[in-house]
Each structure stands twice: as C-alpha cells, then as structure tokens.
Amino acid sequence: MLGMTEPQVWTLIGVFAAGMFGTMTLMSTMLLRSMQNGFEGMRAEFGSGIESARTDIRALHGRIDHLDRDVNAISRHLFGIDRG
C-alpha cells in the first residue's frame, strides 16, 4: 500500500470518514432548510388564496343582498305587495 504504516492508514480512514460525515451533515442540513422554505412558501400562498376566496365570498354575499332587495322591489311593484 505505497509503503504506508498502519497508523497512517488508520489516519486516512479517519479523515475519509470525517469528510463523509461532514458532507452528509451539510447535505441533510441544506435539504432540510430547502424543504422548510418550500413549506413556508406554500403556507403563505395557500393562506393568501384562502383570504382571496373569503374576499370573493364577501363580495358575492353583497351582490346577493342587492339582488334580493331588487327582486323584492320588483315583486312589490308588479304585484302591489308590501312586504314591510
């Protein structure tokens, strides 16, 4: 083995193992952060979508209220009914 002594071989094994563990730690940390950022973005987008839907529903309720008022006015006018 290129004339290396046993302590040198074990030192190389230790350095290689430390490098592999360091690389695995770095990659797992980066993956975890990336996933957290993605989930936070999805939460924010989903939350804004829900808020947009709520705004649309409120607007729809307003239109239905106006439509109900208009239909009542037309029915009172056509049929001479006063619904008080």
PDB file of N, CA and C in Angstrom:
ATOM      1  N   MET A   1       0.824  -1.189   0.000  1.00  0.00           N
ATOM      2  CA  MET A   1       0.000   0.000   0.000  1.00  0.00           C
ATOM      3  C   MET A   1       0.865   1.247   0.000  1.00  0.00           C
ATOM      4  N   LEU A   2       1.634   1.443  -0.980  1.00  0.00           N
ATOM      5  CA  LEU A   2       2.505   2.605  -1.136  1.00  0.00           C
ATOM      6  C   LEU A   2       3.434   2.828   0.043  1.00  0.00           C
ATOM      7  N   GLY A   3       3.726   1.797   0.768  1.00  0.00           N
ATOM      8  CA  GLY A   3       4.670   1.906   1.869  1.00  0.00           C
ATOM      9  C   GLY A   3       4.135   2.668   3.064  1.00  0.00           C
ATOM     10  N   MET A   4       2.824   2.692   3.268  1.00  0.00           N
ATOM     11  CA  MET A   4       2.263   3.419   4.399  1.00  0.00           C
ATOM     12  C   MET A   4       2.240   2.518   5.629  1.00  0.00           C
ATOM     13  N   THR A   5       2.455   3.145   6.769  1.00  0.00           N
ATOM     14  CA  THR A   5       2.399   2.382   8.014  1.00  0.00           C
ATOM     15  C   THR A   5       0.950   2.247   8.455  1.00  0.00           C
ATOM     16  N   GLU A   6       0.709   1.360   9.400  1.00  0.00           N
ATOM     17  CA  GLU A   6      -0.650   1.131   9.875  1.00  0.00           C
ATOM     18  C   GLU A   6      -1.279   2.390  10.476  1.00  0.00           C
ATOM     19  N   PRO A   7      -0.558   3.185  11.281  1.00  0.00           N
ATOM     20  CA  PRO A   7      -1.165   4.424  11.803  1.00  0.00           C
ATOM     21  C   PRO A   7      -1.557   5.407  10.692  1.00  0.00           C
ATOM     22  N   GLN A   8      -0.737   5.437   9.631  1.00  0.00           N
ATOM     23  CA  GLN A   8      -1.074   6.321   8.514  1.00  0.00           C
ATOM     24  C   GLN A   8      -2.347   5.859   7.817  1.00  0.00           C
ATOM     25  N   VAL A   9      -2.525   4.565   7.666  1.00  0.00           N
ATOM     26  CA  VAL A   9      -3.737   4.017   7.040  1.00  0.00           C
ATOM     27  C   VAL A   9      -4.944   4.356   7.889  1.00  0.00           C
ATOM     28  N   TRP A  10      -4.837   4.162   9.214  1.00  0.00           N
ATOM     29  CA  TRP A  10      -5.973   4.475  10.080  1.00  0.00           C
ATOM     30  C   TRP A  10      -6.268   5.978  10.082  1.00  0.00           C
ATOM     31  N   THR A  11      -5.237   6.789   9.973  1.00  0.00           N
ATOM     32  CA  THR A  11      -5.438   8.239   9.892  1.00  0.00           C
ATOM     33  C   THR A  11      -6.205   8.591   8.614  1.00  0.00           C
ATOM     34  N   LEU A  12      -5.813   7.980   7.490  1.00  0.00           N
ATOM     35  CA  LEU A  12      -6.528   8.227   6.233  1.00  0.00           C
ATOM     36  C   LEU A  12      -7.976   7.757   6.315  1.00  0.00           C
ATOM     37  N   ILE A  13      -8.198   6.606   6.943  1.00  0.00           N
ATOM     38  CA  ILE A  13      -9.572   6.111   7.108  1.00  0.00           C
ATOM     39  C   ILE A  13     -10.383   7.106   7.944  1.00  0.00           C
ATOM     40  N   GLY A  14      -9.792   7.611   9.025  1.00  0.00           N
ATOM     41  CA  GLY A  14     -10.473   8.588   9.883  1.00  0.00           C
ATOM     42  C   GLY A  14     -10.781   9.879   9.152  1.00  0.00           C
ATOM     43  N   VAL A  15      -9.809  10.383   8.368  1.00  0.00           N
ATOM     44  CA  VAL A  15     -10.020  11.610   7.601  1.00  0.00           C
ATOM     45  C   VAL A  15     -11.123  11.404   6.570  1.00  0.00           C
ATOM     46  N   PHE A  16     -11.091  10.273   5.889  1.00  0.00           N
ATOM     47  CA  PHE A  16     -12.122   9.968   4.895  1.00  0.00           C
ATOM     48  C   PHE A  16     -13.495   9.863   5.555  1.00  0.00           C
ATOM     49  N   ALA A  17     -13.579   9.171   6.695  1.00  0.00           N
ATOM     50  CA  ALA A  17     -14.857   9.029   7.398  1.00  0.00           C
ATOM     51  C   ALA A  17     -15.373  10.388   7.866  1.00  0.00           C
ATOM     52  N   ALA A  18     -14.482  11.223   8.416  1.00  0.00           N
ATOM     53  CA  ALA A  18     -14.885  12.556   8.875  1.00  0.00           C
ATOM     54  C   ALA A  18     -15.385  13.400   7.700  1.00  0.00           C
ATOM     55  N   GLY A  19     -14.703  13.300   6.579  1.00  0.00           N
ATOM     56  CA  GLY A  19     -15.146  14.032   5.387  1.00  0.00           C
ATOM     57  C   GLY A  19     -16.513  13.566   4.909  1.00  0.00           C
ATOM     58  N   MET A  20     -16.749  12.267   4.935  1.00  0.00           N
ATOM     59  CA  MET A  20     -18.047  11.730   4.505  1.00  0.00           C
ATOM     60  C   MET A  20     -19.160  12.172   5.451  1.00  0.00           C
ATOM     61  N   PHE A  21     -18.907  12.089   6.762  1.00  0.00           N
ATOM     62  CA  PHE A  21     -19.923  12.519   7.731  1.00  0.00           C
ATOM     63  C   PHE A  21     -20.190  14.018   7.606  1.00  0.00           C
ATOM     64  N   GLY A  22     -19.148  14.805   7.388  1.00  0.00           N
ATOM     65  CA  GLY A  22     -19.326  16.248   7.204  1.00  0.00           C
ATOM     66  C   GLY A  22     -20.157  16.559   5.968  1.00  0.00           C
ATOM     67  N   THR A  23     -19.882  15.849   4.892  1.00  0.00           N
ATOM     68  CA  THR A  23     -20.635  16.037   3.654  1.00  0.00           C
ATOM     69  C   THR A  23     -22.100  15.643   3.842  1.00  0.00           C
ATOM     70  N   MET A  24     -22.325  14.521   4.512  1.00  0.00           N
ATOM     71  CA  MET A  24     -23.700  14.078   4.756  1.00  0.00           C
ATOM     72  C   MET A  24     -24.446  15.080   5.631  1.00  0.00           C
ATOM     73  N   THR A  25     -23.768  15.629   6.645  1.00  0.00           N
ATOM     74  CA  THR A  25     -24.391  16.622   7.524  1.00  0.00           C
ATOM     75  C   THR A  25     -24.747  17.876   6.744  1.00  0.00           C
ATOM     76  N   LEU A  26     -23.826  18.345   5.927  1.00  0.00           N
ATOM     77  CA  LEU A  26     -24.069  19.540   5.120  1.00  0.00           C
ATOM     78  C   LEU A  26     -25.231  19.336   4.163  1.00  0.00           C
ATOM     79  N   MET A  27     -25.262  18.209   3.487  1.00  0.00           N
ATOM     80  CA  MET A  27     -26.330  17.937   2.521  1.00  0.00           C
ATOM     81  C   MET A  27     -27.687  17.808   3.214  1.00  0.00           C
ATOM     82  N   SER A  28     -27.730  17.112   4.352  1.00  0.00           N
ATOM     83  CA  SER A  28     -29.010  16.961   5.047  1.00  0.00           C
ATOM     84  C   SER A  28     -29.492  18.299   5.594  1.00  0.00           C
ATOM     85  N   THR A  29     -28.597  19.140   6.079  1.00  0.00           N
ATOM     86  CA  THR A  29     -28.977  20.470   6.564  1.00  0.00           C
ATOM     87  C   THR A  29     -29.518  21.323   5.425  1.00  0.00           C
ATOM     88  N   MET A  30     -28.846  21.296   4.290  1.00  0.00           N
ATOM     89  CA  MET A  30     -29.305  22.070   3.138  1.00  0.00           C
ATOM     90  C   MET A  30     -30.660  21.572   2.651  1.00  0.00           C
ATOM     91  N   LEU A  31     -30.860  20.265   2.616  1.00  0.00           N
ATOM     92  CA  LEU A  31     -32.133  19.703   2.196  1.00  0.00           C
ATOM     93  C   LEU A  31     -33.247  20.097   3.158  1.00  0.00           C
ATOM     94  N   LEU A  32     -32.985  20.027   4.449  1.00  0.00           N
ATOM     95  CA  LEU A  32     -33.977  20.398   5.449  1.00  0.00           C
ATOM     96  C   LEU A  32     -34.367  21.866   5.329  1.00  0.00           C
ATOM     97  N   ARG A  33     -33.402  22.739   5.170  1.00  0.00           N
ATOM     98  CA  ARG A  33     -33.704  24.172   5.017  1.00  0.00           C
ATOM     99  C   ARG A  33     -34.493  24.433   3.748  1.00  0.00           C
ATOM    100  N   SER A  34     -34.129  23.761   2.687  1.00  0.00           N
ATOM    101  CA  SER A  34     -34.845  23.932   1.428  1.00  0.00           C
ATOM    102  C   SER A  34     -36.292  23.485   1.565  1.00  0.00           C
ATOM    103  N   MET A  35     -36.515  22.370   2.236  1.00  0.00           N
ATOM    104  CA  MET A  35     -37.883  21.881   2.439  1.00  0.00           C
ATOM    105  C   MET A  35     -38.675  22.838   3.317  1.00  0.00           C
ATOM    106  N   GLN A  36     -38.050  23.367   4.372  1.00  0.00           N
ATOM    107  CA  GLN A  36     -38.744  24.308   5.248  1.00  0.00           C
ATOM    108  C   GLN A  36     -39.134  25.574   4.491  1.00  0.00           C
ATOM    109  N   ASN A  37     -38.239  26.083   3.672  1.00  0.00           N
ATOM    110  CA  ASN A  37     -38.550  27.277   2.878  1.00  0.00           C
ATOM    111  C   ASN A  37     -39.680  26.994   1.897  1.00  0.00           C
ATOM    112  N   GLY A  38     -39.665  25.817   1.302  1.00  0.00           N
ATOM    113  CA  GLY A  38     -40.736  25.452   0.374  1.00  0.00           C
ATOM    114  C   GLY A  38     -42.077  25.353   1.076  1.00  0.00           C
ATOM    115  N   PHE A  39     -42.089  24.740   2.267  1.00  0.00           N
ATOM    116  CA  PHE A  39     -43.342  24.622   3.011  1.00  0.00           C
ATOM    117  C   PHE A  39     -43.847  25.982   3.467  1.00  0.00           C
ATOM    118  N   GLU A  40     -42.928  26.869   3.880  1.00  0.00           N
ATOM    119  CA  GLU A  40     -43.343  28.213   4.290  1.00  0.00           C
ATOM    120  C   GLU A  40     -43.943  28.964   3.106  1.00  0.00           C
ATOM    121  N   GLY A  41     -43.337  28.812   1.940  1.00  0.00           N
ATOM    122  CA  GLY A  41     -43.885  29.452   0.742  1.00  0.00           C
ATOM    123  C   GLY A  41     -45.255  28.915   0.388  1.00  0.00           C
ATOM    124  N   MET A  42     -45.420  27.601   0.515  1.00  0.00           N
ATOM    125  CA  MET A  42     -46.731  27.003   0.228  1.00  0.00           C
ATOM    126  C   MET A  42     -47.769  27.494   1.223  1.00  0.00           C
ATOM    127  N   ARG A  43     -47.393  27.581   2.516  1.00  0.00           N
ATOM    128  CA  ARG A  43     -48.317  28.082   3.533  1.00  0.00           C
ATOM    129  C   ARG A  43     -48.749  29.506   3.217  1.00  0.00           C
ATOM    130  N   ALA A  44     -47.791  30.351   2.849  1.00  0.00           N
ATOM    131  CA  ALA A  44     -48.104  31.741   2.548  1.00  0.00           C
ATOM    132  C   ALA A  44     -49.020  31.834   1.325  1.00  0.00           C
ATOM    133  N   GLU A  45     -48.705  31.053   0.296  1.00  0.00           N
ATOM    134  CA  GLU A  45     -49.523  31.087  -0.918  1.00  0.00           C
ATOM    135  C   GLU A  45     -50.920  30.536  -0.654  1.00  0.00           C
ATOM    136  N   PHE A  46     -51.000  29.465   0.112  1.00  0.00           N
ATOM    137  CA  PHE A  46     -52.295  28.879   0.436  1.00  0.00           C
ATOM    138  C   PHE A  46     -53.116  29.839   1.285  1.00  0.00           C
ATOM    139  N   GLY A  47     -52.461  30.497   2.241  1.00  0.00           N
ATOM    140  CA  GLY A  47     -53.146  31.472   3.094  1.00  0.00           C
ATOM    141  C   GLY A  47     -53.677  32.643   2.298  1.00  0.00           C
ATOM    142  N   SER A  48     -52.888  33.141   1.352  1.00  0.00           N
ATOM    143  CA  SER A  48     -53.360  34.260   0.532  1.00  0.00           C
ATOM    144  C   SER A  48     -54.494  33.811  -0.382  1.00  0.00           C
ATOM    145  N   GLY A  49     -54.456  32.560  -0.828  1.00  0.00           N
ATOM    146  CA  GLY A  49     -55.558  32.041  -1.645  1.00  0.00           C
ATOM    147  C   GLY A  49     -56.841  31.947  -0.855  1.00  0.00           C
ATOM    148  N   ILE A  50     -56.737  31.530   0.389  1.00  0.00           N
ATOM    149  CA  ILE A  50     -57.923  31.446   1.241  1.00  0.00           C
ATOM    150  C   ILE A  50     -58.473  32.848   1.501  1.00  0.00           C
ATOM    151  N   GLU A  51     -57.588  33.797   1.774  1.00  0.00           N
ATOM    152  CA  GLU A  51     -58.040  35.166   2.020  1.00  0.00           C
ATOM    153  C   GLU A  51     -58.698  35.749   0.772  1.00  0.00           C
ATOM    154  N   SER A  52     -58.155  35.437  -0.387  1.00  0.00           N
ATOM    155  CA  SER A  52     -58.761  35.886  -1.641  1.00  0.00           C
ATOM    156  C   SER A  52     -60.146  35.283  -1.822  1.00  0.00           C
ATOM    157  N   ALA A  53     -60.286  34.005  -1.485  1.00  0.00           N
ATOM    158  CA  ALA A  53     -61.599  33.348  -1.582  1.00  0.00           C
ATOM    159  C   ALA A  53     -62.586  33.979  -0.611  1.00  0.00           C
ATOM    160  N   ARG A  54     -62.137  34.312   0.586  1.00  0.00           N
ATOM    161  CA  ARG A  54     -63.015  34.978   1.559  1.00  0.00           C
ATOM    162  C   ARG A  54     -63.485  36.325   1.032  1.00  0.00           C
ATOM    163  N   THR A  55     -62.582  37.070   0.432  1.00  0.00           N
ATOM    164  CA  THR A  55     -62.950  38.368  -0.130  1.00  0.00           C
ATOM    165  C   THR A  55     -63.979  38.189  -1.241  1.00  0.00           C
ATOM    166  N   ASP A  56     -63.776  37.190  -2.088  1.00  0.00           N
ATOM    167  CA  ASP A  56     -64.730  36.932  -3.168  1.00  0.00           C
ATOM    168  C   ASP A  56     -66.094  36.529  -2.620  1.00  0.00           C
ATOM    169  N   ILE A  57     -66.091  35.721  -1.567  1.00  0.00           N
ATOM    170  CA  ILE A  57     -67.362  35.289  -0.969  1.00  0.00           C
ATOM    171  C   ILE A  57     -68.088  36.483  -0.353  1.00  0.00           C
ATOM    172  N   ARG A  58     -67.355  37.369   0.309  1.00  0.00           N
ATOM    173  CA  ARG A  58     -67.984  38.574   0.878  1.00  0.00           C
ATOM    174  C   ARG A  58     -68.602  39.422  -0.232  1.00  0.00           C
ATOM    175  N   ALA A  59     -67.888  39.572  -1.339  1.00  0.00           N
ATOM    176  CA  ALA A  59     -68.424  40.341  -2.461  1.00  0.00           C
ATOM    177  C   ALA A  59     -69.669  39.668  -3.025  1.00  0.00           C
ATOM    178  N   LEU A  60     -69.645  38.343  -3.109  1.00  0.00           N
ATOM    179  CA  LEU A  60     -70.804  37.600  -3.602  1.00  0.00           C
ATOM    180  C   LEU A  60     -71.995  37.767  -2.673  1.00  0.00           C
ATOM    181  N   HIS A  61     -71.758  37.748  -1.361  1.00  0.00           N
ATOM    182  CA  HIS A  61     -72.844  37.975  -0.410  1.00  0.00           C
ATOM    183  C   HIS A  61     -73.456  39.359  -0.611  1.00  0.00           C
ATOM    184  N   GLY A  62     -72.593  40.337  -0.838  1.00  0.00           N
ATOM    185  CA  GLY A  62     -73.098  41.695  -1.093  1.00  0.00           C
ATOM    186  C   GLY A  62     -73.965  41.741  -2.340  1.00  0.00           C
ATOM    187  N   ARG A  63     -73.531  41.076  -3.392  1.00  0.00           N
ATOM    188  CA  ARG A  63     -74.316  41.059  -4.634  1.00  0.00           C
ATOM    189  C   ARG A  63     -75.647  40.337  -4.430  1.00  0.00           C
ATOM    190  N   ILE A  64     -75.622  39.241  -3.667  1.00  0.00           N
ATOM    191  CA  ILE A  64     -76.871  38.512  -3.408  1.00  0.00           C
ATOM    192  C   ILE A  64     -77.829  39.379  -2.602  1.00  0.00           C
ATOM    193  N   ASP A  65     -77.301  40.114  -1.620  1.00  0.00           N
ATOM    194  CA  ASP A  65     -78.159  41.015  -0.840  1.00  0.00           C
ATOM    195  C   ASP A  65     -78.797  42.074  -1.733  1.00  0.00           C
ATOM    196  N   HIS A  66     -78.017  42.650  -2.643  1.00  0.00           N
ATOM    197  CA  HIS A  66     -78.567  43.647  -3.568  1.00  0.00           C
ATOM    198  C   HIS A  66     -79.591  43.009  -4.504  1.00  0.00           C
ATOM    199  N   LEU A  67     -79.295  41.815  -4.981  1.00  0.00           N
ATOM    200  CA  LEU A  67     -80.223  41.111  -5.864  1.00  0.00           C
ATOM    201  C   LEU A  67     -81.530  40.808  -5.137  1.00  0.00           C
ATOM    202  N   ASP A  68     -81.442  40.379  -3.884  1.00  0.00           N
ATOM    203  CA  ASP A  68     -82.634  40.101  -3.089  1.00  0.00           C
ATOM    204  C   ASP A  68     -83.461  41.369  -2.909  1.00  0.00           C
ATOM    205  N   ARG A  69     -82.806  42.460  -2.626  1.00  0.00           N
ATOM    206  CA  ARG A  69     -83.514  43.746  -2.478  1.00  0.00           C
ATOM    207  C   ARG A  69     -84.192  44.153  -3.779  1.00  0.00           C
ATOM    208  N   ASP A  70     -83.496  43.980  -4.889  1.00  0.00           N
ATOM    209  CA  ASP A  70     -84.066  44.354  -6.186  1.00  0.00           C
ATOM    210  C   ASP A  70     -85.256  43.467  -6.545  1.00  0.00           C
ATOM    211  N   VAL A  71     -85.143  42.144  -6.291  1.00  0.00           N
ATOM    212  CA  VAL A  71     -86.246  41.229  -6.596  1.00  0.00           C
ATOM    213  C   VAL A  71     -87.453  41.569  -5.726  1.00  0.00           C
ATOM    214  N   ASN A  72     -87.226  41.896  -4.470  1.00  0.00           N
ATOM    215  CA  ASN A  72     -88.337  42.296  -3.601  1.00  0.00           C
ATOM    216  C   ASN A  72     -88.991  43.571  -4.106  1.00  0.00           C
ATOM    217  N   ALA A  73     -88.204  44.535  -4.551  1.00  0.00           N
ATOM    218  CA  ALA A  73     -88.762  45.788  -5.067  1.00  0.00           C
ATOM    219  C   ALA A  73     -89.578  45.531  -6.334  1.00  0.00           C
ATOM    220  N   ILE A  74     -89.073  44.668  -7.210  1.00  0.00           N
ATOM    221  CA  ILE A  74     -89.800  44.350  -8.451  1.00  0.00           C
ATOM    222  C   ILE A  74     -91.106  43.638  -8.124  1.00  0.00           C
ATOM    223  N   SER A  75     -91.058  42.668  -7.188  1.00  0.00           N
ATOM    224  CA  SER A  75     -92.289  41.938  -6.849  1.00  0.00           C
ATOM    225  C   SER A  75     -93.307  42.872  -6.189  1.00  0.00           C
ATOM    226  N   ARG A  76     -92.850  43.797  -5.352  1.00  0.00           N
ATOM    227  CA  ARG A  76     -93.796  44.767  -4.758  1.00  0.00           C
ATOM    228  C   ARG A  76     -94.405  45.653  -5.841  1.00  0.00           C
ATOM    229  N   HIS A  77     -93.577  46.030  -6.795  1.00  0.00           N
ATOM    230  CA  HIS A  77     -94.066  46.910  -7.868  1.00  0.00           C
ATOM    231  C   HIS A  77     -95.058  46.176  -8.774  1.00  0.00           C
ATOM    232  N   LEU A  78     -94.705  44.942  -9.169  1.00  0.00           N
ATOM    233  CA  LEU A  78     -95.559  44.196 -10.097  1.00  0.00           C
ATOM    234  C   LEU A  78     -96.846  43.690  -9.452  1.00  0.00           C
ATOM    235  N   PHE A  79     -96.743  43.201  -8.241  1.00  0.00           N
ATOM    236  CA  PHE A  79     -97.899  42.565  -7.619  1.00  0.00           C
ATOM    237  C   PHE A  79     -98.581  43.437  -6.579  1.00  0.00           C
ATOM    238  N   GLY A  80     -98.043  44.622  -6.324  1.00  0.00           N
ATOM    239  CA  GLY A  80     -98.639  45.516  -5.362  1.00  0.00           C
ATOM    240  C   GLY A  80     -98.588  44.975  -3.952  1.00  0.00           C
ATOM    241  N   ILE A  81     -97.595  44.171  -3.667  1.00  0.00           N
ATOM    242  CA  ILE A  81     -97.465  43.564  -2.335  1.00  0.00           C
ATOM    243  C   ILE A  81     -96.457  44.365  -1.533  1.00  0.00           C
ATOM    244  N   ASP A  82     -96.845  44.719  -0.332  1.00  0.00           N
ATOM    245  CA  ASP A  82     -95.921  45.427   0.540  1.00  0.00           C
ATOM    246  C   ASP A  82     -95.439  44.442   1.603  1.00  0.00           C
ATOM    247  N   ARG A  83     -94.190  44.087   1.536  1.00  0.00           N
ATOM    248  CA  ARG A  83     -93.645  43.088   2.473  1.00  0.00           C
ATOM    249  C   ARG A  83     -93.049  43.748   3.713  1.00  0.00           C
ATOM    250  N   GLY A  84     -93.299  44.995   3.900  1.00  0.00           N
ATOM    251  CA  GLY A  84     -92.949  45.681   5.110  1.00  0.00           C
ATOM    252  C   GLY A  84     -91.542  45.880   5.366  1.00  0.00           C
TER     253      GLY A  84
END
